[in-house]
Amino acid sequence: MKYEIIIFDADETLFDFIKSERDAFKNTMLEFDIEYNEDHHLKIYHGINADIWKEFEKGLITQERLKIERFKRLSHKLNTKFDEVAFAKSYMKHLSNASFLYDDSIDLVESLHKDYKLTIVTNGLTDVQNTRIRKSIIAKYFEDIVISEEVKVSKPNPEIFELALKNLNHTDKSKVLIVGDSLTSDIQGGINFGIDTCWFNPNKKINETSIKPTYEISNIMELKDILKN
């Protein structure tokens, strides 16, 4: 076997984070008695959240500040006053209880864990990911689950991958593959660390960056074909 360790990203790779986010955001807005229009409000929040996580990847903002700042920006954008701290706390409560897997995720990890050591490395908030991922029905198939806020380092920093391999008592990078949906986080992180990468690209986006993954798949089950070959 070419690989012995498979590192998975969590959200938008194995877990349907978009569905979780939509559910949590709606419930929080309603909890704060804000007349909710999903097409309007969720679109605005998506833009704010995407921008702030990019800032985080670049080291421009901490995860602790990110938790509140995104809702401070939302309040300003909507011209609607609410307690950003309380809003953030409510949102994370709802999000932590919204764990949805993609249809093929269970079958994939159940089959792979027999032959490979599996681990998850996620850029996420501990309170949220601990419930959504560590208590999910697929958690038992993973040797370890590394959450960025918990270990104080995040993708694409190679240190988080170094920590993940250390936890598995593994040193041979040539036997490691990372699978994830984000070019700038998962794939760039894998490249930074010197391991092979597999870009999960279900929407078949055009890669207009200089980031070149080792493999690209549009269906997560295609990973099994890569591993066979």
Foldseek 3Di string as FASTA:
>chain_A
DQAAEEEEAPDPQWWPLVVLLLQLVVVLCVVVVHPDDCVPLVVVLVVLLVVVVVCVQVVNDDPVVSLQVSVVVSCVVVVHDDDSVVSSVSSLVSSLVRAGTDPCNQVVLVVCLVRHAYEYEYADDCSRCCRRPCVDPSVVSHPYYHYCVVVVHFFLALVSVVVVCVSVVDDDQSNYEYEDADLRGGQNSNVNNPHAYEHAALVPDDPPDPRDHPYYDNDSVCVVVVVVD
